[in-house]
């Protein structure tokens, strides 16, 4: 909970940068707001509606008020919260009358679920208890929420590194002969093994682990422009090129991770040279993303520079890298080819990277492999990283050689 105090200490400056005088997060019973666990102690909240109100009190700084159905001593560590709570329909109008906020930010109007999470019923309820003159001051909190969730504190870094190390450890396990027996093990069994290990370690998946299979002579199916996920019934065979996509939540932070493995054929000691060249090209693409990224630089500019570098090298590449942090697909600038296809492309491309942010360097290259009769293969990688003045730095070393299954 010390992390929460430090995040709150940064909030007043953020509110002023985004012209927010009051910010209200509404948590509903059995319908938790996705922000609640990051702005308040991560507890079960069972009031019909619990409000967490942040107020720019001018010279008095940030005022934090919890309007909850039940009192809790942990909430009182961070908020004004009486032992005998009063109804929100009384307390909230009093706060508004006392501080006269010019803007009241709510989780409405954003592009992502965590920025547009306020229900219509709660919006109407807030409007009713505040009155029409006050509800005219309601604005979207989307930009404030994005900066708040995209800002990391130093104390989180080593904890997050341990989460990434655990991700790497589980990846090594699933791509080992102790787990995978060529000609016998199915994709579904690999997925189940990972989920069982998550449970053993007390971590919670934020998506189901995915596996993809490429095989000489196959024309693998695609989905939305990417290599499709393999069916659970697929049996892993010698000579297969495997890909895993996995990630989980730990201590309020999420990992996201992709790696490649090769199943050796009888008599092989290493993957075909063509596959190793293909992996080296993806490493070149990673180098470009990390080298060209800097705090304050726009995501769109970085993307254009990366793709120009790949064109110069004759490398067929896709980049779809995104923020990490409290969510696996976090808020903040993305270096992503799909941005240009969105209605708000100009706005998204102009977003600047923040120093210290966490990021999934997610991308792929495609190459023709001579040993596979010129068949195209995709080498997909995803590595958690943090942004320094020298660019993205990986939390653990990236993959420069395939996991080998004998």
Protein backbone atom coordinates (compact mmCIF):
# COMPACT_ATOMS: atom_id res chain seq x y z
CA UNK A 1 0.00 0.00 0.00
CA UNK A 2 3.04 2.25 0.16
CA UNK A 3 2.94 2.29 -3.63
CA UNK A 4 -0.54 3.79 -3.53
CA UNK A 5 0.61 6.71 -1.38
CA UNK A 6 3.38 7.45 -3.87
CA UNK A 7 1.01 7.33 -6.82
CA UNK A 8 -1.35 9.70 -5.01
CA UNK A 9 1.56 12.08 -4.42
CA UNK A 10 1.92 12.46 -8.19
CA UNK A 11 -1.77 12.99 -8.83
CA UNK A 12 -2.20 16.71 -8.12
CA UNK A 13 0.30 17.76 -10.79
CA UNK A 14 -1.38 15.38 -13.25
CA UNK A 15 -4.82 16.84 -12.49
CA UNK A 16 -3.54 20.35 -13.10
CA UNK A 17 -1.87 19.36 -16.38
CA UNK A 18 -5.21 18.00 -17.59
CA UNK A 19 -7.37 20.84 -16.17
CA UNK A 20 -9.15 18.53 -13.74
CA UNK A 21 -10.35 20.20 -10.54
CA UNK A 22 -12.17 17.16 -9.15
CA UNK A 23 -11.92 13.48 -10.13
CA UNK A 24 -14.56 10.97 -9.07
CA UNK A 25 -14.18 7.18 -9.37
CA UNK A 26 -17.41 5.26 -8.75
CA UNK A 27 -17.28 1.62 -7.68
CA UNK A 28 -20.51 -0.38 -7.84
CA UNK A 29 -21.40 -3.44 -5.78
CA UNK A 30 -20.54 -6.66 -7.69
CA UNK A 31 -19.40 -4.46 -10.59
CA UNK A 32 -16.00 -3.13 -9.60
CA UNK A 33 -14.63 -0.24 -11.60
CA UNK A 34 -11.29 -1.28 -13.18
CA UNK A 35 -9.68 1.82 -11.64
CA UNK A 36 -10.65 1.12 -8.06
CA UNK A 37 -7.77 -1.21 -7.20
CA UNK A 38 -5.28 1.40 -8.48
CA UNK A 39 -6.70 4.53 -6.81
CA UNK A 40 -7.84 2.95 -3.52
CA UNK A 41 -6.65 0.04 -1.36
CA UNK A 42 -7.35 -3.19 -3.30
CA UNK A 43 -10.10 -4.45 -1.02
CA UNK A 44 -13.57 -5.91 -1.54
CA UNK A 45 -15.97 -2.96 -1.71
CA UNK A 46 -19.57 -3.93 -0.99
CA UNK A 47 -21.39 -0.62 -0.81
CA UNK A 48 -24.06 -0.05 -3.43
CA UNK A 49 -21.89 2.75 -4.78
CA UNK A 50 -18.54 3.69 -3.25
CA UNK A 51 -16.98 6.97 -4.39
CA UNK A 52 -13.33 7.97 -4.31
CA UNK A 53 -13.04 11.72 -4.80
CA UNK A 54 -9.83 13.62 -5.53
CA UNK A 55 -9.97 17.41 -5.23
CA UNK A 56 -7.51 20.14 -6.18
CA UNK A 57 -7.81 22.20 -2.99
CA UNK A 58 -5.49 24.95 -4.18
CA UNK A 59 -2.84 25.92 -1.64
CA UNK A 60 -3.98 23.04 0.58
CA UNK A 61 -2.94 20.56 -2.12
CA UNK A 62 -4.71 17.33 -2.93
CA UNK A 63 -7.75 16.42 -0.89
CA UNK A 64 -8.86 12.77 -0.92
CA UNK A 65 -12.35 11.82 0.24
CA UNK A 66 -13.90 8.35 0.30
CA UNK A 67 -17.68 8.19 0.35
CA UNK A 68 -18.34 4.54 1.12
CA UNK A 69 -21.18 2.44 2.43
CA UNK A 70 -18.97 0.84 5.08
CA UNK A 71 -16.06 2.23 7.11
CA UNK A 72 -12.64 0.58 6.83
CA UNK A 73 -9.41 1.50 8.58
CA UNK A 74 -7.35 0.73 5.47
CA UNK A 75 -9.35 3.25 3.46
CA UNK A 76 -8.74 5.84 6.19
CA UNK A 77 -5.00 5.50 5.64
CA UNK A 78 -5.43 7.26 2.31
CA UNK A 79 -8.75 9.11 2.39
CA UNK A 80 -10.91 11.22 4.64
CA UNK A 81 -13.40 8.56 5.66
CA UNK A 82 -15.57 8.83 8.80
CA UNK A 83 -16.29 5.86 11.03
CA UNK A 84 -20.00 6.58 10.50
CA UNK A 85 -20.37 7.11 6.74
CA UNK A 86 -22.96 9.54 5.45
CA UNK A 87 -24.90 9.14 2.18
CA UNK A 88 -23.21 10.31 -1.00
CA UNK A 89 -26.27 12.42 -1.89
CA UNK A 90 -25.36 14.58 1.13
CA UNK A 91 -21.55 14.48 1.10
CA UNK A 92 -20.82 14.99 -2.60
CA UNK A 93 -22.93 18.16 -3.02
CA UNK A 94 -21.25 19.57 0.10
CA UNK A 95 -17.78 18.93 -1.38
CA UNK A 96 -18.79 20.53 -4.66
CA UNK A 97 -20.26 23.56 -2.88
CA UNK A 98 -17.13 23.95 -0.75
CA UNK A 99 -14.57 23.71 -3.57
CA UNK A 100 -16.57 24.89 -6.61
CA UNK A 101 -14.57 22.75 -9.07
CA UNK A 102 -14.58 24.14 -12.61
CA UNK A 103 -14.29 20.62 -14.01
CA UNK A 104 -15.38 17.27 -12.58
CA UNK A 105 -13.71 14.36 -14.37
CA UNK A 106 -15.46 11.00 -14.75
CA UNK A 107 -14.68 7.72 -16.51
CA UNK A 108 -16.59 8.65 -19.66
CA UNK A 109 -15.73 9.25 -23.29
CA UNK A 110 -12.43 7.36 -23.44
CA UNK A 111 -11.26 4.88 -26.07
CA UNK A 112 -10.51 2.05 -23.63
CA UNK A 113 -12.62 0.15 -21.11
CA UNK A 114 -10.77 1.56 -18.11
CA UNK A 115 -11.38 5.14 -19.32
CA UNK A 116 -15.09 4.74 -20.12
CA UNK A 117 -16.15 2.48 -17.27
CA UNK A 118 -18.81 4.62 -15.58
CA UNK A 119 -22.25 3.05 -16.07
CA UNK A 120 -25.14 5.05 -17.47
CA UNK A 121 -27.04 4.47 -14.23
CA UNK A 122 -24.22 5.91 -12.11
CA UNK A 123 -23.81 8.86 -14.49
CA UNK A 124 -27.50 9.67 -14.19
CA UNK A 125 -27.32 9.26 -10.40
CA UNK A 126 -24.34 11.64 -10.16
CA UNK A 127 -26.17 14.14 -12.34
CA UNK A 128 -29.26 13.92 -10.17
CA UNK A 129 -27.54 14.42 -6.80
CA UNK A 130 -25.24 17.15 -8.18
CA UNK A 131 -27.83 19.15 -10.06
CA UNK A 132 -27.90 20.45 -13.65
CA UNK A 133 -25.50 23.38 -13.07
CA UNK A 134 -22.87 21.02 -11.65
CA UNK A 135 -23.40 18.20 -14.14
CA UNK A 136 -22.63 20.70 -16.92
CA UNK A 137 -19.06 20.64 -15.58
CA UNK A 138 -18.65 16.86 -16.07
CA UNK A 139 -15.73 16.06 -18.39
CA UNK A 140 -13.88 12.96 -19.51
CA UNK A 141 -11.08 11.78 -17.22
CA UNK A 142 -9.52 9.72 -20.04
CA UNK A 143 -6.26 11.69 -20.42
CA UNK A 144 -5.76 11.89 -16.65
CA UNK A 145 -6.41 8.16 -16.27
CA UNK A 146 -3.93 7.38 -19.04
CA UNK A 147 -1.13 9.38 -17.44
CA UNK A 148 -1.91 7.98 -13.99
CA UNK A 149 -1.80 4.36 -15.16
CA UNK A 150 1.20 4.91 -17.47
CA UNK A 151 3.34 6.41 -14.67
CA UNK A 152 5.54 4.00 -12.76
CA UNK A 153 7.35 4.59 -9.46
CA UNK A 154 10.92 3.34 -8.78
CA UNK A 155 9.82 0.88 -6.08
CA UNK A 156 7.78 -1.11 -8.62
CA UNK A 157 10.69 -1.90 -10.90
CA UNK A 158 12.36 -4.79 -9.07
CA UNK A 159 9.01 -6.34 -8.15
CA UNK A 160 8.04 -6.21 -11.80
CA UNK A 161 11.39 -7.66 -12.82
CA UNK A 162 10.67 -10.64 -10.56
CA UNK A 163 7.31 -11.10 -12.33
CA UNK A 164 9.07 -11.08 -15.70
CA UNK A 165 11.65 -13.56 -14.40
CA UNK A 166 8.83 -15.86 -13.29
CA UNK A 167 7.28 -15.56 -16.76
CA UNK A 168 10.63 -16.56 -18.27
CA UNK A 169 10.97 -19.49 -15.85
CA UNK A 170 7.55 -20.87 -16.78
CA UNK A 171 8.36 -20.40 -20.46
CA UNK A 172 11.53 -22.47 -20.04
CA UNK A 173 9.48 -25.16 -18.35
CA UNK A 174 6.78 -25.46 -20.99
CA UNK A 175 9.41 -25.56 -23.77
CA UNK A 176 11.37 -28.43 -22.21
CA UNK A 177 11.48 -32.20 -22.67
CA UNK A 178 10.17 -32.62 -19.14
CA UNK A 179 6.85 -31.24 -20.40
CA UNK A 180 6.87 -31.66 -24.18
CA UNK A 181 7.27 -35.08 -25.84
CA UNK A 182 7.31 -34.81 -29.66
CA UNK A 183 4.68 -36.94 -31.33
CA UNK A 184 2.66 -37.20 -28.11
CA UNK A 185 2.09 -33.84 -26.39
CA UNK A 186 -0.77 -31.65 -27.59
CA UNK A 187 -1.09 -27.88 -27.59
CA UNK A 188 -3.93 -28.23 -25.07
CA UNK A 189 -1.63 -30.08 -22.68
CA UNK A 190 0.96 -27.31 -22.93
CA UNK A 191 -1.71 -24.72 -22.18
CA UNK A 192 -2.97 -26.73 -19.18
CA UNK A 193 0.57 -27.11 -17.82
CA UNK A 194 1.03 -23.32 -17.84
CA UNK A 195 -2.32 -22.67 -16.18
CA UNK A 196 -1.49 -25.21 -13.46
CA UNK A 197 1.84 -23.48 -12.82
CA UNK A 198 0.09 -20.10 -12.61
CA UNK A 199 -2.14 -21.53 -9.89
CA UNK A 200 0.84 -22.98 -8.00
CA UNK A 201 2.59 -19.61 -7.99
CA UNK A 202 -0.53 -17.68 -7.03
CA UNK A 203 -0.61 -15.54 -10.16
CA UNK A 204 -3.69 -14.83 -12.25
CA UNK A 205 -3.72 -14.98 -16.06
CA UNK A 206 -5.19 -11.93 -17.74
CA UNK A 207 -5.57 -13.97 -20.93
CA UNK A 208 -5.30 -17.66 -21.76
CA UNK A 209 -1.83 -18.73 -22.95
CA UNK A 210 -1.72 -19.13 -26.74
CA UNK A 211 0.45 -21.41 -28.83
CA UNK A 212 1.12 -21.27 -32.57
CA UNK A 213 2.69 -23.94 -34.76
CA UNK A 214 4.58 -23.61 -38.04
CA UNK A 215 5.59 -26.75 -39.90
CA UNK A 216 7.41 -27.42 -43.17
CA UNK A 217 4.88 -27.99 -45.95
CA UNK A 218 2.00 -26.41 -44.01
CA UNK A 219 0.04 -23.37 -45.09
CA UNK A 220 -0.80 -22.14 -41.59
CA UNK A 221 -4.11 -20.30 -41.06
CA UNK A 222 -4.11 -16.62 -40.17
CA UNK A 223 -6.42 -14.47 -38.08
CA UNK A 224 -6.67 -10.66 -38.33
CA UNK A 225 -3.39 -10.55 -40.23
CA UNK A 226 -1.46 -12.70 -37.76
CA UNK A 227 -0.59 -16.39 -37.55
CA UNK A 228 -3.63 -18.12 -36.02
CA UNK A 229 -3.60 -19.86 -32.64
CA UNK A 230 -3.19 -23.65 -32.93
CA UNK A 231 -6.15 -25.84 -31.86
CA UNK A 232 -5.72 -27.62 -28.52
CA UNK A 233 -5.87 -30.97 -30.33
CA UNK A 234 -2.71 -30.24 -32.37
CA UNK A 235 0.05 -32.77 -31.63
CA UNK A 236 3.55 -31.28 -31.58
CA UNK A 237 5.85 -33.05 -34.04
CA UNK A 238 9.58 -33.08 -34.71
CA UNK A 239 10.61 -30.19 -36.95
CA UNK A 240 7.86 -27.89 -35.61
CA UNK A 241 8.49 -24.21 -34.94
CA UNK A 242 6.51 -23.25 -31.83
CA UNK A 243 5.41 -19.89 -30.45
CA UNK A 244 3.96 -19.05 -27.04
CA UNK A 245 2.10 -15.91 -25.97
CA UNK A 246 1.60 -15.68 -22.19
CA UNK A 247 1.20 -13.23 -19.33
CA UNK A 248 -0.25 -12.83 -15.84
CA UNK A 249 -0.99 -10.35 -13.05
CA UNK A 250 1.19 -10.05 -9.95
CA UNK A 251 1.17 -7.24 -7.35
CA UNK A 252 -1.17 -5.16 -9.52
CA UNK A 253 1.15 -5.33 -12.54
CA UNK A 254 0.82 -7.45 -15.68
CA UNK A 255 3.41 -9.25 -17.83
CA UNK A 256 3.11 -9.96 -21.56
CA UNK A 257 5.57 -12.29 -23.26
CA UNK A 258 6.18 -14.19 -26.51
CA UNK A 259 8.97 -16.61 -27.41
CA UNK A 260 9.86 -19.26 -30.00
CA UNK A 261 11.01 -22.89 -29.78
CA UNK A 262 12.16 -25.49 -32.29
CA UNK A 263 11.60 -29.24 -32.03
CA UNK A 264 14.72 -30.99 -33.31
CA UNK A 265 14.35 -33.69 -35.93
CA UNK A 266 16.11 -37.04 -35.50
CA UNK A 267 19.85 -36.42 -35.89
CA UNK A 268 19.59 -32.59 -35.73
CA UNK A 269 21.73 -30.71 -33.24
CA UNK A 270 20.48 -27.24 -34.13
CA UNK A 271 17.65 -25.57 -36.07
CA UNK A 272 18.11 -25.06 -39.82
CA UNK A 273 20.30 -22.06 -40.65
CA UNK A 274 17.37 -20.34 -42.35
CA UNK A 275 15.38 -20.30 -39.12
CA UNK A 276 18.31 -18.89 -37.20
CA UNK A 277 18.71 -16.13 -39.78
CA UNK A 278 14.99 -15.38 -39.41
CA UNK A 279 15.37 -15.01 -35.62
CA UNK A 280 18.36 -12.70 -36.12
CA UNK A 281 16.17 -10.45 -38.29
CA UNK A 282 13.63 -10.15 -35.52
CA UNK A 283 16.48 -9.23 -33.17
CA UNK A 284 17.42 -6.47 -35.65
CA UNK A 285 13.87 -5.18 -35.51
CA UNK A 286 13.98 -5.19 -31.68
CA UNK A 287 17.25 -3.26 -31.82
CA UNK A 288 15.65 -0.60 -34.01
CA UNK A 289 12.62 -0.13 -31.74
CA UNK A 290 14.79 0.10 -28.62
CA UNK A 291 17.44 2.34 -30.21
CA UNK A 292 15.05 4.84 -31.77
CA UNK A 293 12.71 5.25 -28.77
CA UNK A 294 13.28 8.11 -26.32
CA UNK A 295 11.22 9.86 -23.64
CA UNK A 296 9.26 12.73 -25.16
CA UNK A 297 9.45 11.36 -28.69
CA UNK A 298 6.14 10.68 -30.43
CA UNK A 299 5.00 7.13 -31.07
CA UNK A 300 4.24 7.91 -34.71
CA UNK A 301 7.71 9.30 -35.35
CA UNK A 302 9.34 6.25 -33.80
CA UNK A 303 7.21 3.88 -35.88
CA UNK A 304 8.11 5.62 -39.13
CA UNK A 305 11.83 5.59 -38.30
CA UNK A 306 11.75 1.89 -37.36
CA UNK A 307 10.00 0.88 -40.57
CA UNK A 308 12.40 2.99 -42.65
CA UNK A 309 15.33 1.19 -40.99
CA UNK A 310 13.77 -2.19 -41.81
CA UNK A 311 13.16 -1.15 -45.43
CA UNK A 312 16.84 -0.25 -45.70
CA UNK A 313 17.75 -3.73 -44.44
CA UNK A 314 15.23 -5.47 -46.69
CA UNK A 315 13.41 -6.95 -43.69
CA UNK A 316 9.66 -7.62 -43.83
CA UNK A 317 8.45 -6.41 -40.42
CA UNK A 318 5.39 -5.68 -38.34
CA UNK A 319 5.47 -3.66 -35.11
CA UNK A 320 2.54 -3.66 -32.67
CA UNK A 321 4.19 -2.70 -29.40
CA UNK A 322 2.11 -1.36 -26.52
CA UNK A 323 2.27 -0.08 -22.93
CA UNK A 324 2.40 -2.44 -19.98
CA UNK A 325 1.78 -1.82 -16.31
CA UNK A 326 -1.43 -2.20 -14.37
CA UNK A 327 -2.94 -3.91 -17.42
CA UNK A 328 -1.34 -6.21 -19.95
CA UNK A 329 -2.61 -3.96 -22.71
CA UNK A 330 -1.90 -0.78 -20.82
CA UNK A 331 -2.71 2.86 -21.46
CA UNK A 332 -0.26 5.19 -23.13
CA UNK A 333 1.46 5.63 -26.49
CA UNK A 334 1.67 2.54 -28.70
CA UNK A 335 4.20 1.97 -31.49
CA UNK A 336 1.76 0.08 -33.64
CA UNK A 337 1.08 -0.26 -37.36
CA UNK A 338 -2.66 -0.44 -36.63
CA UNK A 339 -2.75 3.10 -35.22
CA UNK A 340 -3.02 4.64 -38.69
CA UNK A 341 -6.20 2.64 -39.33
CA UNK A 342 -8.07 4.24 -36.40
CA UNK A 343 -10.27 7.31 -36.55
CA UNK A 344 -8.12 9.15 -34.02
CA UNK A 345 -4.84 8.15 -35.70
CA UNK A 346 -3.30 11.63 -35.66
CA UNK A 347 -3.95 12.06 -31.94
CA UNK A 348 -2.57 8.62 -31.07
CA UNK A 349 0.53 8.96 -33.24
CA UNK A 350 1.34 12.30 -31.61
CA UNK A 351 1.42 10.85 -28.10
CA UNK A 352 4.85 11.09 -26.53
CA UNK A 353 6.61 8.33 -24.59
CA UNK A 354 7.05 8.82 -20.83
CA UNK A 355 10.34 8.14 -19.04
CA UNK A 356 10.12 5.07 -16.83
CA UNK A 357 7.05 3.62 -18.56
CA UNK A 358 6.78 -0.14 -18.98
CA UNK A 359 6.27 -1.48 -22.47
CA UNK A 360 5.81 -4.67 -24.43
CA UNK A 361 8.23 -4.60 -27.35
CA UNK A 362 5.96 -6.77 -29.50
CA UNK A 363 6.71 -7.40 -33.15
CA UNK A 364 7.56 -9.92 -35.87
CA UNK A 365 9.47 -10.44 -39.07
CA UNK A 366 8.68 -12.85 -41.89
CA UNK A 367 11.37 -14.67 -43.86
CA UNK A 368 11.62 -17.30 -46.55
CA UNK A 369 13.50 -20.34 -45.25
CA UNK A 370 15.59 -22.23 -47.84
CA UNK A 371 15.53 -25.48 -45.85
CA UNK A 372 11.73 -25.30 -45.91
CA UNK A 373 11.67 -24.94 -49.73
CA UNK A 374 11.32 -21.16 -49.49
CA UNK A 375 8.32 -21.33 -47.17
CA UNK A 376 7.63 -18.12 -45.24
CA UNK A 377 7.96 -18.28 -41.46
CA UNK A 378 7.10 -15.69 -38.84
CA UNK A 379 9.35 -15.04 -35.86
CA UNK A 380 7.27 -13.29 -33.20
CA UNK A 381 8.76 -11.85 -30.03
CA UNK A 382 7.41 -9.84 -27.12
CA UNK A 383 9.57 -8.55 -24.27
CA UNK A 384 8.68 -6.34 -21.29
CA UNK A 385 10.93 -3.28 -21.14
CA UNK A 386 11.21 0.08 -19.37
CA UNK A 387 12.06 3.41 -20.95
CA UNK A 388 15.34 5.18 -20.17
CA UNK A 389 17.14 8.09 -21.81
CA UNK A 390 18.96 5.47 -23.90
CA UNK A 391 15.76 3.81 -25.12
CA UNK A 392 13.93 0.65 -24.06
CA UNK A 393 15.79 -1.65 -21.68
CA UNK A 394 14.58 -5.25 -21.32
CA UNK A 395 13.83 -6.51 -17.81
CA UNK A 396 15.51 -9.83 -18.67
CA UNK A 397 17.70 -10.65 -21.68
CA UNK A 398 15.81 -11.13 -24.92
CA UNK A 399 15.74 -14.34 -26.93
CA UNK A 400 18.67 -14.70 -29.33
CA UNK A 401 18.48 -18.48 -29.76
CA UNK A 402 15.51 -20.82 -30.01
CA UNK A 403 14.42 -22.97 -27.12
CA UNK A 404 15.37 -26.47 -28.29
CA UNK A 405 13.24 -29.55 -27.66
CA UNK A 406 15.08 -32.78 -28.28
